[in-house]
Each structure stands twice: as structure tokens, then as C-alpha cells.
Amino acid sequence: MHIVVCMKQVPDSAQIRVHPVTNTIMRQGVPTISNPYDLFALEEAMRWRDRFGGEVTVLTMGPPMAEDSLRKALTFGADRAVLLTDRFFAGSDTLATSFALAGALAKIEQEFGKPLMIFTGKQTIDGDTAQVGPGIAKRLGLNQLTYVARIVDLAPEEGHITVERRAEGGVQVLSTRLPVLITMLEGVNEIRRGSLDDAFRAARAKIVTWNAADAGITDLTKCGLRGSPTIVKKVFAPPPRAEKAYQVATTDLSMEALAETVMDEIFKRQTSLEGDLMRFSAG
């Protein structure tokens, strides 16, 4: 069973800077990390590989330094790493990124075999759009399962998968045919500690590196800034809240009295809340 995990090396969110003219993230001089959400996808992929056998290929698009994240994935236990890097990809929005990654995934199928599942994290911490995974699925004609909290059942030979998906107001249980693209939620597992053998293997491993031509991407008008219709009008930090927290004195108050005092203060500031609670409890 072949599984592909799409990962991204992202700027450390605590030190992100935005270009004042292009409104794109400035990556030069900013420490980078593996996108945290992608690590949940990687661990899930390796768990199912361990159960059924096969290989996990990790794919990322980015500058040459993105190789660091790929080697880290190899230390965790991934079998192969592919870096898609080319100056034509610089400044890609989600549309251009999904176009390039879809091309690389088609090349991976030719070189290493058709993937039964493609995993991504639910989103990246730099763009926060959650659009690239679904965009890849649309371009490749794959079924997609987004915001997956748990894979309930996987039957590779029968070509069937059942998952639990977090939805607004509850959990959905969905079944579909393979192959499929899955975006994993955070907190669904914990990335393993790589073995010493994996660490040595990662240090020696040859990262498969493709430019646009290597990946068979010929229409460069759909890559990078030229292929990115998204226009960022303005980027700004949210203003600090002027309202400060109200403090309730707890001296000589029992737990019951403190709770009553806190509720009274809440109802004073949220005048409709008490009535809403009464109607909810009556219904």
C-alpha cells in the first residue's frame, strides 16, 4: 500500500513578517518549522502503513531549505521524501500550490506507484485557508474527506474506508471508495519518536528533488505569482482589546456564594443571557 503525505515547511508563527508591498509572508531570515498539523497526518499514514505494509512518501513544495522538514519526516519513519522546488513556484497562492502539487503527485504515481491515500494536515499555520488539500483532490479527481478525527475502518483490498469527521454541531461518519484524499485534524494522535536507525537513514537519504520540468509541469502560467489570482488587500494584527477582565473578590466567600456572585456579574453584563438560559432549560 502506497501512501503520500503532503507536508509544508512554514515560518515559525511567533516570528512571521509580512512584506509591506506584496502582502506575502517574508520567509527570509525567519526560523522555520514543519507545519504542526501535517505531523498528525504523517503519524496517521505511518500507522496504517505499519498495519497493512507498504510505503509512505512525503512530498513538499518549497525552497531548497524545505529539505530540513523532509529529513525530519524521514527520522520519524517515512520511507521516501520528494522535494518540489523551482523559482517558478515562488509566491504561489492556494490555487497555484494545488496545481503544482497535483502535478508532482501524478509524477509520484508514475515513479513509485499509485497512492491509495493522500494525507494532509487540516491547514497550514501560515496561510490558514485549508484549501490546498481539497484543491488537490479536485484536480486529481479524488474523493475527499476533510477534518477527519478518526479512521474507523480501512479495507485496502476491498477499496473502502470509513472515517469520523468533525462537523459543526457534531460528528459525521462517512464511507467512501479508495483512493481518497484525507485532511487530518489536530490532536488525533501523537507523532512517534523516531528510532536511531531511522535517524541514521534520514541523514544518509537522498531526497528526490524535482523542478517544474522534472515533475512534468509545463504550464508555468498557472504557477507562482502569475498563476495566483488571490489578491491580499491588507494584512494586519488584530488590535488589543481595550476592555479588561473584571475581578471578583473572593475573600471569605464560600464556593456557593462565589458562584452566585460570578453569575450575578455575568448577567449584569450580558443582559439577555439569563432569559436565554431559562428558555433553553424550559424547552
Protein backbone atom coordinates (compact mmCIF):
# COMPACT_ATOMS: atom_id res chain seq x y z
CA MET A 1 0.00 0.00 0.00
CA HIS A 2 1.41 3.35 -1.06
CA ILE A 3 0.50 6.44 0.98
CA VAL A 4 1.59 10.02 0.25
CA VAL A 5 1.70 12.76 2.88
CA CYS A 6 1.81 16.38 1.72
CA MET A 7 3.74 18.46 4.22
CA LYS A 8 4.93 22.05 4.32
CA GLN A 9 7.80 23.87 5.96
CA VAL A 10 6.35 27.05 7.41
CA PRO A 11 7.70 30.12 9.19
CA ASP A 12 7.58 30.00 12.95
CA SER A 13 4.26 31.73 13.60
CA ALA A 14 5.74 33.67 16.51
CA GLN A 15 8.17 35.44 14.16
CA ILE A 16 6.20 35.94 10.94
CA ARG A 17 6.76 39.14 8.98
CA VAL A 18 4.66 40.41 6.07
CA HIS A 19 6.07 42.18 3.02
CA PRO A 20 4.68 45.77 3.03
CA VAL A 21 4.19 45.86 -0.76
CA THR A 22 3.16 42.36 -1.88
CA ASN A 23 1.42 41.41 1.40
CA THR A 24 3.04 37.98 1.18
CA ILE A 25 4.85 36.29 4.04
CA MET A 26 8.55 37.12 4.21
CA ARG A 27 10.41 33.88 4.76
CA GLN A 28 13.99 35.12 4.60
CA GLY A 29 15.63 35.25 7.99
CA VAL A 30 12.62 33.72 9.77
CA PRO A 31 13.06 30.38 11.59
CA THR A 32 11.05 27.57 10.00
CA ILE A 33 9.31 24.50 11.36
CA SER A 34 7.29 21.62 9.99
CA ASN A 35 3.64 22.59 9.82
CA PRO A 36 2.29 21.15 13.09
CA TYR A 37 -0.98 19.93 11.57
CA ASP A 38 0.92 17.90 8.97
CA LEU A 39 2.58 15.84 11.68
CA PHE A 40 -0.80 14.38 12.66
CA ALA A 41 -1.29 13.40 9.02
CA LEU A 42 2.17 11.82 8.88
CA GLU A 43 1.63 9.76 12.01
CA GLU A 44 -1.75 8.53 10.78
CA ALA A 45 -0.23 7.49 7.46
CA MET A 46 2.58 5.58 9.16
CA ARG A 47 0.15 3.81 11.50
CA TRP A 48 -1.82 2.37 8.59
CA ARG A 49 1.38 1.50 6.72
CA ASP A 50 2.59 -0.37 9.81
CA ARG A 51 -0.68 -2.28 9.91
CA PHE A 52 -1.02 -3.21 6.23
CA GLY A 53 2.52 -2.81 4.93
CA GLY A 54 3.68 -0.60 2.10
CA GLU A 55 5.45 2.75 1.87
CA VAL A 56 4.91 6.33 2.98
CA THR A 57 6.17 9.04 0.64
CA VAL A 58 6.40 12.59 1.95
CA LEU A 59 6.00 15.45 -0.53
CA THR A 60 6.63 19.15 -0.01
CA MET A 61 6.83 22.18 -2.26
CA GLY A 62 9.17 24.95 -1.22
CA PRO A 63 12.67 26.38 -1.40
CA PRO A 64 15.72 24.10 -1.09
CA MET A 65 15.81 24.62 2.68
CA ALA A 66 12.50 22.75 2.91
CA GLU A 67 14.67 19.64 2.74
CA ASP A 68 15.08 20.03 6.51
CA SER A 69 11.41 19.20 7.11
CA LEU A 70 11.63 16.23 4.77
CA ARG A 71 14.60 14.77 6.63
CA LYS A 72 12.72 15.26 9.87
CA ALA A 73 9.84 13.26 8.40
CA LEU A 74 12.29 10.52 7.49
CA THR A 75 13.58 10.42 11.06
CA PHE A 76 10.01 9.78 12.22
CA GLY A 77 9.79 6.78 9.90
CA ALA A 78 8.66 7.92 6.45
CA ASP A 79 10.12 5.79 3.65
CA ARG A 80 10.77 8.36 0.92
CA ALA A 81 10.90 12.15 0.55
CA VAL A 82 10.22 14.28 -2.52
CA LEU A 83 11.01 17.99 -2.74
CA LEU A 84 9.31 20.08 -5.41
CA THR A 85 11.34 23.24 -5.77
CA ASP A 86 11.59 25.82 -8.54
CA ARG A 87 11.75 29.59 -8.69
CA PHE A 88 8.56 29.47 -10.79
CA PHE A 89 6.65 28.38 -7.68
CA ALA A 90 7.57 31.45 -5.61
CA GLY A 91 4.58 33.41 -4.34
CA SER A 92 2.03 30.67 -5.05
CA ASP A 93 -1.41 31.02 -3.54
CA THR A 94 -3.59 28.01 -2.78
CA LEU A 95 -4.74 27.64 -6.39
CA ALA A 96 -1.21 27.63 -7.80
CA THR A 97 0.05 25.42 -4.97
CA SER A 98 -2.61 22.77 -5.56
CA PHE A 99 -1.81 22.85 -9.29
CA ALA A 100 1.89 22.21 -8.71
CA LEU A 101 1.34 19.55 -6.06
CA ALA A 102 -1.19 17.75 -8.24
CA GLY A 103 1.42 17.61 -10.99
CA ALA A 104 4.02 16.24 -8.58
CA LEU A 105 1.57 13.62 -7.29
CA ALA A 106 0.93 12.45 -10.84
CA LYS A 107 4.70 12.11 -11.26
CA ILE A 108 4.95 10.21 -7.98
CA GLU A 109 2.32 7.78 -9.27
CA GLN A 110 4.42 7.17 -12.38
CA GLU A 111 7.67 6.74 -10.49
CA PHE A 112 6.67 4.97 -7.27
CA GLY A 113 3.17 3.61 -7.73
CA LYS A 114 -0.38 4.87 -7.35
CA PRO A 115 -1.11 6.11 -3.81
CA LEU A 116 -4.16 4.60 -2.18
CA MET A 117 -4.41 7.52 0.24
CA ILE A 118 -3.07 11.08 0.24
CA PHE A 119 -2.89 12.77 3.63
CA THR A 120 -2.55 16.44 4.51
CA GLY A 121 -2.98 18.40 7.71
CA LYS A 122 -6.26 20.27 8.01
CA GLN A 123 -4.46 23.53 7.12
CA THR A 124 -1.13 25.33 7.47
CA ILE A 125 -0.35 27.86 10.16
CA ASP A 126 0.95 30.46 7.70
CA GLY A 127 -1.97 30.59 5.26
CA ASP A 128 -4.72 29.07 7.47
CA THR A 129 -7.02 28.60 4.48
CA ALA A 130 -7.50 24.80 4.48
CA GLN A 131 -7.89 24.98 0.69
CA VAL A 132 -4.85 23.15 -0.68
CA GLY A 133 -5.93 19.62 0.28
CA PRO A 134 -9.41 19.92 -1.30
CA GLY A 135 -7.81 21.68 -4.29
CA ILE A 136 -5.50 18.71 -4.89
CA ALA A 137 -8.43 16.29 -4.62
CA LYS A 138 -10.43 18.28 -7.16
CA ARG A 139 -7.56 18.42 -9.65
CA LEU A 140 -6.84 14.69 -9.35
CA GLY A 141 -10.48 13.63 -9.30
CA LEU A 142 -10.20 12.04 -5.86
CA ASN A 143 -12.83 11.56 -3.19
CA GLN A 144 -12.01 13.85 -0.28
CA LEU A 145 -12.60 13.51 3.45
CA THR A 146 -11.82 16.73 5.33
CA TYR A 147 -11.42 17.44 9.06
CA VAL A 148 -11.08 13.74 9.83
CA ALA A 149 -10.84 12.94 13.53
CA ARG A 150 -10.54 9.16 13.25
CA ILE A 151 -10.29 6.45 10.62
CA VAL A 152 -12.84 3.90 11.77
CA ASP A 153 -12.17 1.22 9.18
CA LEU A 154 -9.83 0.76 6.23
CA ALA A 155 -10.06 -2.15 3.79
CA PRO A 156 -7.38 -1.66 1.12
CA GLU A 157 -8.19 -4.85 -0.77
CA GLU A 158 -11.88 -4.00 -0.94
CA GLY A 159 -11.05 -0.35 -1.69
CA HIS A 160 -13.18 1.05 1.12
CA ILE A 161 -12.67 3.49 4.01
CA THR A 162 -14.88 4.75 6.86
CA VAL A 163 -14.00 7.81 8.94
CA GLU A 164 -15.34 10.09 11.62
CA ARG A 165 -15.35 13.71 10.51
CA ARG A 166 -15.77 16.64 12.85
CA ALA A 167 -18.62 18.84 11.68
CA GLU A 168 -20.42 21.84 13.07
CA GLY A 169 -22.73 20.55 15.75
CA GLY A 170 -21.43 17.02 15.91
CA VAL A 171 -19.55 14.17 14.25
CA GLN A 172 -20.26 12.68 10.83
CA VAL A 173 -19.49 9.05 9.96
CA LEU A 174 -18.63 8.87 6.26
CA SER A 175 -17.71 5.97 3.98
CA THR A 176 -16.25 6.18 0.50
CA ARG A 177 -14.19 4.33 -2.07
CA LEU A 178 -10.42 4.46 -2.34
CA PRO A 179 -8.27 6.19 -3.48
CA VAL A 180 -9.01 9.18 -1.30
CA LEU A 181 -7.51 12.42 0.00
CA ILE A 182 -7.79 12.96 3.76
CA THR A 183 -7.13 16.11 5.78
CA MET A 184 -6.45 15.25 9.42
CA LEU A 185 -7.46 17.26 12.44
CA GLU A 186 -5.08 18.20 15.21
CA GLY A 187 -4.84 16.16 18.41
CA VAL A 188 -5.97 12.88 16.83
CA ASN A 189 -2.67 11.14 17.56
CA GLU A 190 0.85 11.88 18.73
CA ILE A 191 3.86 11.77 16.43
CA ARG A 192 6.17 8.93 17.35
CA ARG A 193 9.77 9.20 18.42
CA GLY A 194 11.90 8.08 15.51
CA SER A 195 14.26 5.20 16.01
CA LEU A 196 18.03 5.53 15.91
CA ASP A 197 18.08 3.54 12.68
CA ASP A 198 15.61 5.97 11.11
CA ALA A 199 17.75 8.92 12.21
CA PHE A 200 20.84 7.45 10.54
CA ARG A 201 18.82 6.57 7.45
CA ALA A 202 17.42 10.11 7.24
CA ALA A 203 20.90 11.62 7.46
CA ARG A 204 22.14 9.48 4.57
CA ALA A 205 18.98 9.51 2.46
CA LYS A 206 18.88 11.08 -0.97
CA ILE A 207 15.97 13.50 -1.19
CA VAL A 208 14.23 13.17 -4.55
CA THR A 209 14.32 16.73 -5.88
CA TRP A 210 12.22 17.86 -8.85
CA ASN A 211 11.86 21.18 -10.56
CA ALA A 212 8.80 22.03 -12.65
CA ALA A 213 10.13 20.23 -15.72
CA ASP A 214 11.10 17.12 -13.75
CA ALA A 215 7.56 16.89 -12.34
CA GLY A 216 6.05 17.26 -15.80
CA ILE A 217 4.58 20.70 -15.07
CA THR A 218 4.64 22.51 -18.40
CA ASP A 219 2.06 25.28 -17.96
CA LEU A 220 4.06 27.73 -15.86
CA THR A 221 1.37 30.41 -16.21
CA LYS A 222 -0.53 28.51 -13.51
CA CYS A 223 2.42 28.55 -11.10
CA GLY A 224 3.77 31.13 -8.67
CA LEU A 225 2.55 34.72 -8.63
CA ARG A 226 1.49 34.55 -12.27
CA GLY A 227 -0.86 31.69 -11.53
CA SER A 228 -2.17 33.14 -8.27
CA PRO A 229 -5.39 35.15 -8.64
CA THR A 230 -5.66 35.75 -4.91
CA ILE A 231 -5.16 39.41 -4.01
CA VAL A 232 -4.36 40.24 -0.40
CA LYS A 233 -5.73 43.72 0.15
CA LYS A 234 -4.42 44.23 3.66
CA VAL A 235 -2.61 42.31 6.38
CA PHE A 236 -2.72 43.49 9.97
CA ALA A 237 -2.56 42.26 13.51
CA PRO A 238 -5.83 42.33 15.47
CA PRO A 239 -5.95 45.35 17.80
CA PRO A 240 -5.57 44.65 21.51
CA ARG A 241 -8.81 44.55 23.46
CA ALA A 242 -9.42 47.71 25.43
CA GLU A 243 -11.85 46.01 27.83
CA LYS A 244 -10.15 44.47 30.82
CA ALA A 245 -11.23 41.48 32.83
CA TYR A 246 -13.49 42.16 35.81
CA GLN A 247 -12.18 40.77 39.08
CA VAL A 248 -14.42 39.35 41.79
CA ALA A 249 -13.16 39.47 45.33
CA THR A 250 -13.08 36.02 46.87
CA THR A 251 -12.32 36.95 50.47
CA ASP A 252 -14.45 34.99 52.95
CA LEU A 253 -16.78 33.68 50.24
CA SER A 254 -17.88 30.07 50.17
CA MET A 255 -17.88 28.24 46.86
CA GLU A 256 -21.66 28.62 46.59
CA ALA A 257 -21.54 32.34 47.34
CA LEU A 258 -18.67 32.87 44.91
CA ALA A 259 -20.55 31.07 42.15
CA GLU A 260 -23.66 33.15 42.79
CA THR A 261 -21.63 36.38 42.76
CA VAL A 262 -19.91 35.46 39.50
CA MET A 263 -23.24 34.58 37.84
CA ASP A 264 -24.79 37.84 39.00
CA GLU A 265 -21.91 39.80 37.47
CA ILE A 266 -22.21 37.87 34.20
CA PHE A 267 -25.96 38.52 33.99
CA LYS A 268 -25.40 42.23 34.63
CA ARG A 269 -23.07 42.46 31.64
CA GLN A 270 -24.94 40.00 29.40
CA THR A 271 -28.49 41.16 29.93
CA SER A 272 -30.13 38.69 27.56
CA LEU A 273 -28.21 35.64 28.77
CA GLU A 274 -30.39 34.82 31.80
CA GLY A 275 -33.55 34.84 29.72
CA ASP A 276 -31.94 32.68 27.03
CA LEU A 277 -30.85 30.14 29.62
CA MET A 278 -34.32 30.00 31.15
CA ARG A 279 -35.94 29.41 27.76
CA PHE A 280 -33.34 26.74 26.92
CA SER A 281 -33.92 24.87 30.20
CA ALA A 282 -37.70 25.09 29.78
CA GLY A 283 -37.52 23.67 26.25
